[in-house]
N, C-alpha and C. Protein backbone atom coordinates (compact mmCIF):
# COMPACT_ATOMS: atom_id res chain seq x y z
N MET A 1 -50.00 22.52 8.72
CA MET A 1 -49.99 23.76 8.93
C MET A 1 -51.44 24.32 8.88
N GLN A 2 -51.47 24.22 7.22
CA GLN A 2 -52.24 24.74 7.21
C GLN A 2 -53.83 23.81 7.34
N HIS A 3 -53.48 23.02 7.69
CA HIS A 3 -55.01 22.02 8.63
C HIS A 3 -54.89 22.71 9.82
N TRP A 4 -54.42 23.28 10.43
CA TRP A 4 -53.74 23.75 11.84
C TRP A 4 -55.16 25.21 11.95
N LEU A 5 -54.42 25.56 10.91
CA LEU A 5 -54.76 27.12 10.64
C LEU A 5 -56.54 27.21 10.45
N LYS A 6 -56.60 26.88 9.07
CA LYS A 6 -58.25 26.35 9.12
C LYS A 6 -59.02 25.83 10.89
N GLN A 7 -58.43 24.61 11.33
CA GLN A 7 -58.78 24.41 12.51
C GLN A 7 -59.44 26.09 13.26
N ILE A 8 -58.19 26.50 13.27
CA ILE A 8 -58.03 27.84 14.28
C ILE A 8 -58.99 29.21 13.51
N GLY A 9 -59.50 28.98 12.24
CA GLY A 9 -60.32 30.04 11.69
C GLY A 9 -59.11 31.00 10.88
N VAL A 10 -57.93 30.86 10.76
CA VAL A 10 -57.53 31.58 10.36
C VAL A 10 -57.32 31.45 9.14
N LYS A 11 -57.48 32.27 7.31
CA LYS A 11 -57.41 32.29 6.52
C LYS A 11 -56.46 32.82 5.64
N THR A 12 -55.51 32.06 4.74
CA THR A 12 -54.70 31.67 4.07
C THR A 12 -54.34 32.58 3.20
N ARG A 13 -53.40 33.60 2.59
CA ARG A 13 -53.95 34.57 1.14
C ARG A 13 -52.46 34.10 0.49
N TYR A 14 -52.18 33.04 -0.76
CA TYR A 14 -50.91 32.69 -1.30
C TYR A 14 -50.80 33.68 -2.51
N ILE A 15 -49.45 33.81 -2.51
CA ILE A 15 -49.69 34.55 -4.22
C ILE A 15 -49.42 33.87 -4.80
N ASP A 16 -49.74 33.83 -6.40
CA ASP A 16 -50.09 33.58 -7.35
C ASP A 16 -48.72 32.83 -8.26
N PRO A 17 -48.55 31.58 -8.71
CA PRO A 17 -47.30 31.34 -9.53
C PRO A 17 -46.78 32.15 -10.06
N GLY A 18 -45.49 32.57 -9.63
CA GLY A 18 -45.15 33.54 -11.23
C GLY A 18 -45.71 35.19 -11.50
N SER A 19 -46.14 35.62 -10.12
CA SER A 19 -46.93 36.59 -10.08
C SER A 19 -45.70 37.30 -8.70
N PRO A 20 -44.91 37.71 -9.23
CA PRO A 20 -43.71 38.03 -7.61
C PRO A 20 -44.20 39.84 -7.29
N TRP A 21 -45.05 40.10 -8.38
CA TRP A 21 -45.36 41.75 -7.62
C TRP A 21 -46.61 41.26 -6.44
N GLN A 22 -47.58 40.50 -6.80
CA GLN A 22 -48.49 40.42 -5.27
C GLN A 22 -47.62 40.37 -4.05
N ASN A 23 -46.74 40.77 -3.95
CA ASN A 23 -45.64 40.76 -3.00
C ASN A 23 -44.05 41.15 -2.67
N GLY A 24 -44.15 42.75 -3.34
CA GLY A 24 -43.12 43.45 -3.70
C GLY A 24 -41.52 43.62 -3.07
N HIS A 25 -42.75 43.66 -1.41
CA HIS A 25 -41.61 43.90 -0.49
C HIS A 25 -40.85 42.61 -0.45
N ASN A 26 -41.62 41.76 -0.53
CA ASN A 26 -41.06 40.44 -0.06
C ASN A 26 -39.72 40.36 -1.46
N GLU A 27 -40.20 40.23 -2.65
CA GLU A 27 -39.46 39.98 -3.77
C GLU A 27 -38.09 41.11 -3.58
N SER A 28 -38.67 42.16 -3.59
CA SER A 28 -37.83 42.85 -3.19
C SER A 28 -36.39 42.75 -2.48
N PHE A 29 -36.57 42.00 -1.23
CA PHE A 29 -35.71 42.01 0.04
C PHE A 29 -34.82 40.56 -0.74
N ASN A 30 -35.42 39.73 -1.47
CA ASN A 30 -35.16 38.24 -1.87
C ASN A 30 -33.92 38.61 -2.77
N GLY A 31 -34.04 39.88 -3.67
CA GLY A 31 -33.18 40.41 -4.63
C GLY A 31 -32.16 40.95 -4.07
N VAL A 32 -32.33 41.45 -3.02
CA VAL A 32 -31.20 42.03 -2.68
C VAL A 32 -30.66 41.22 -1.71
N PHE A 33 -30.94 39.90 -1.02
CA PHE A 33 -30.46 39.36 -0.58
C PHE A 33 -29.53 37.97 -0.68
N ARG A 34 -30.31 37.60 -2.01
CA ARG A 34 -29.18 37.18 -3.33
C ARG A 34 -28.06 37.48 -4.14
N ASP A 35 -28.35 38.64 -4.36
CA ASP A 35 -27.63 40.04 -5.05
C ASP A 35 -25.83 40.07 -3.85
N GLY A 36 -26.74 40.45 -3.09
CA GLY A 36 -25.91 41.48 -2.14
C GLY A 36 -25.51 40.35 -1.19
N CYS A 37 -25.52 39.24 -1.17
CA CYS A 37 -24.85 38.02 -0.03
C CYS A 37 -25.09 36.30 -0.67
N LEU A 38 -26.16 36.14 -0.62
CA LEU A 38 -26.41 34.73 -1.54
C LEU A 38 -25.34 34.32 -2.73
N ASP A 39 -25.46 34.90 -3.51
CA ASP A 39 -24.57 34.86 -4.72
C ASP A 39 -22.80 34.89 -4.63
N ARG A 40 -22.50 35.70 -3.38
CA ARG A 40 -21.47 35.79 -3.48
C ARG A 40 -20.13 35.25 -2.47
N TRP A 41 -21.29 33.94 -2.57
CA TRP A 41 -20.46 33.28 -1.26
C TRP A 41 -20.78 31.89 -1.65
N LEU A 42 -19.72 30.98 -1.58
CA LEU A 42 -19.80 29.71 -1.38
C LEU A 42 -19.48 29.43 -0.06
N PHE A 43 -20.64 28.64 0.40
CA PHE A 43 -20.06 28.08 1.80
C PHE A 43 -19.99 27.02 2.05
N TYR A 44 -19.42 26.90 3.07
CA TYR A 44 -18.46 25.09 3.03
C TYR A 44 -18.80 24.47 4.40
N SER A 45 -19.98 25.62 5.06
CA SER A 45 -21.03 24.49 6.00
C SER A 45 -21.78 25.19 6.61
N VAL A 46 -23.26 24.98 7.26
CA VAL A 46 -23.70 25.74 7.43
C VAL A 46 -23.22 26.15 8.63
N GLN A 47 -22.59 26.45 9.56
CA GLN A 47 -21.97 27.14 10.49
C GLN A 47 -21.51 28.69 9.86
N GLU A 48 -20.46 28.13 8.79
CA GLU A 48 -20.08 29.69 7.70
C GLU A 48 -21.48 30.33 7.52
N ALA A 49 -22.27 29.24 6.86
CA ALA A 49 -23.32 30.19 6.26
C ALA A 49 -24.46 31.36 7.44
N ARG A 50 -24.92 31.13 8.36
CA ARG A 50 -24.77 31.34 9.76
C ARG A 50 -23.86 32.57 9.41
N ARG A 51 -22.93 32.56 10.33
CA ARG A 51 -22.06 33.43 10.58
C ARG A 51 -22.13 34.76 9.32
N VAL A 52 -21.87 34.20 8.26
CA VAL A 52 -21.97 34.97 7.30
C VAL A 52 -23.17 36.18 6.45
N ILE A 53 -24.67 34.83 6.74
CA ILE A 53 -25.56 35.40 6.42
C ILE A 53 -25.90 36.05 7.86
N GLY A 54 -25.77 36.17 9.27
CA GLY A 54 -25.81 36.57 9.97
C GLY A 54 -25.15 38.03 10.57
N SER A 55 -24.36 38.50 9.80
CA SER A 55 -23.07 39.27 8.89
C SER A 55 -24.05 40.55 8.74
N TRP A 56 -24.11 39.74 7.40
CA TRP A 56 -25.20 40.47 6.19
C TRP A 56 -26.42 41.09 6.86
N LEU A 57 -26.74 40.27 7.40
CA LEU A 57 -28.23 40.96 7.78
C LEU A 57 -27.62 42.50 8.91
N GLU A 58 -27.40 41.74 9.81
CA GLU A 58 -26.79 42.54 10.48
C GLU A 58 -26.30 44.47 9.57
N GLU A 59 -25.53 44.06 8.83
CA GLU A 59 -25.17 46.11 8.35
C GLU A 59 -26.68 45.75 7.18
N TYR A 60 -27.76 44.93 6.49
CA TYR A 60 -28.69 45.36 6.17
C TYR A 60 -29.17 45.91 6.97
N ASN A 61 -29.94 45.66 8.17
CA ASN A 61 -30.64 46.01 9.00
C ASN A 61 -30.22 47.61 9.93
N THR A 62 -29.20 47.76 10.13
CA THR A 62 -28.38 49.03 10.63
C THR A 62 -27.32 50.42 9.66
N GLU A 63 -26.86 49.36 9.45
CA GLU A 63 -25.87 50.48 7.82
C GLU A 63 -26.25 50.59 6.15
N ARG A 64 -26.82 49.82 5.88
CA ARG A 64 -27.25 50.14 4.53
C ARG A 64 -27.94 50.68 4.05
N PRO A 65 -28.57 51.35 3.21
CA PRO A 65 -29.09 52.48 3.28
C PRO A 65 -30.52 52.16 2.33
N HIS A 66 -32.09 52.94 2.93
CA HIS A 66 -32.97 52.16 2.52
C HIS A 66 -33.87 53.31 1.94
N GLY A 67 -34.15 52.83 0.43
CA GLY A 67 -35.05 52.98 -0.32
C GLY A 67 -36.75 53.75 1.02
N ALA A 68 -37.18 52.74 1.59
CA ALA A 68 -38.41 52.94 2.26
C ALA A 68 -38.37 54.44 2.61
N LEU A 69 -36.61 54.37 3.24
CA LEU A 69 -36.58 54.95 3.85
C LEU A 69 -35.94 56.46 4.39
N ASN A 70 -36.17 57.29 2.55
CA ASN A 70 -36.06 57.48 1.31
C ASN A 70 -33.85 58.29 2.10
N GLY A 71 -33.25 56.88 1.36
CA GLY A 71 -32.38 56.41 1.32
C GLY A 71 -31.13 56.52 2.37
N ILE A 72 -32.01 56.70 3.74
CA ILE A 72 -30.98 56.37 4.88
C ILE A 72 -30.65 54.97 5.23
N SER A 73 -30.25 54.79 6.34
CA SER A 73 -29.74 53.67 7.16
C SER A 73 -30.64 53.77 8.15
N PRO A 74 -31.15 52.39 8.50
CA PRO A 74 -32.13 51.63 9.21
C PRO A 74 -31.31 52.84 10.87
N ALA A 75 -30.39 52.54 10.98
CA ALA A 75 -29.23 53.08 12.28
C ALA A 75 -29.68 54.51 11.88
N ARG A 76 -29.45 55.39 11.13
CA ARG A 76 -29.31 56.43 11.06
C ARG A 76 -30.72 56.86 11.34
N TYR A 77 -31.77 56.10 10.86
CA TYR A 77 -33.19 56.54 11.17
C TYR A 77 -33.55 56.85 12.07
N VAL A 78 -32.87 55.53 13.16
CA VAL A 78 -33.73 56.01 14.31
C VAL A 78 -32.81 56.77 14.95
N LYS A 79 -31.63 57.09 14.62
CA LYS A 79 -31.60 58.49 14.96
C LYS A 79 -32.08 59.51 15.62
N LYS A 80 -32.16 59.82 13.68
CA LYS A 80 -32.93 61.20 13.63
C LYS A 80 -34.53 61.41 14.64
N ILE A 81 -35.48 59.64 14.51
CA ILE A 81 -36.74 59.73 14.71
C ILE A 81 -36.07 59.98 17.51
N ARG A 82 -35.02 59.59 17.65
CA ARG A 82 -34.99 59.52 18.88
C ARG A 82 -34.36 60.92 19.19
N GLU A 83 -34.04 61.78 17.92
CA GLU A 83 -33.39 63.33 18.42
C GLU A 83 -34.52 63.53 18.23
N LYS A 84 -35.89 63.05 17.16
CA LYS A 84 -37.23 64.95 17.22
C LYS A 84 -37.93 63.57 17.99
N THR A 85 -38.04 62.61 18.66
CA THR A 85 -38.85 62.74 19.76
C THR A 85 -38.32 63.78 20.99
N ARG A 86 -36.74 63.43 21.33
CA ARG A 86 -36.04 64.33 22.53
C ARG A 86 -36.60 65.30 22.20
N LYS A 87 -36.95 65.80 21.57
CA LYS A 87 -36.57 67.54 21.25
C LYS A 87 -38.36 67.75 21.75
N ALA A 88 -38.88 67.28 21.02
CA ALA A 88 -40.66 67.28 21.18
C ALA A 88 -40.78 66.86 22.84
N ALA A 89 -39.93 65.83 23.41
CA ALA A 89 -40.62 65.45 24.83
C ALA A 89 -39.68 67.08 25.50
N LEU A 90 -38.79 67.44 25.72
CA LEU A 90 -38.39 69.01 25.69
C LEU A 90 -39.32 70.11 25.38
N LYS A 91 -39.28 69.89 24.49
CA LYS A 91 -40.42 71.49 23.90
C LYS A 91 -41.48 70.99 25.23
N ARG A 92 -42.13 70.10 24.75
CA ARG A 92 -43.97 69.95 26.45
C ARG A 92 -43.40 70.11 27.54
N GLU A 93 -42.53 69.85 27.72
CA GLU A 93 -41.90 70.32 29.05
C GLU A 93 -41.81 71.65 29.85
N LYS A 94 -41.17 72.54 28.12
CA LYS A 94 -41.30 73.92 28.66
C LYS A 94 -42.45 74.68 28.57
N HIS A 95 -43.35 74.06 28.20
CA HIS A 95 -44.77 74.90 28.40
C HIS A 95 -45.31 74.40 29.39
């Protein structure tokens, strides 16, 4: 992979070992994923792991409140944005 990236001119940047603060978003997700999913299950098969992780990701991406969204769930955030966009479009139509 590194050879191919070099051939096509893509420069890569790596996180220094022992420096998780260099990628805070990823490290934050990893912690939430481990605490909220991986540490709570003992998977007996790959299929079970896929099912459980898929379900957890669905909840994480729709229902779980996120700090980056001011403590609301992604689904509620999308609903608010769509409503705001709809109201703005209606306002533009009136003028």
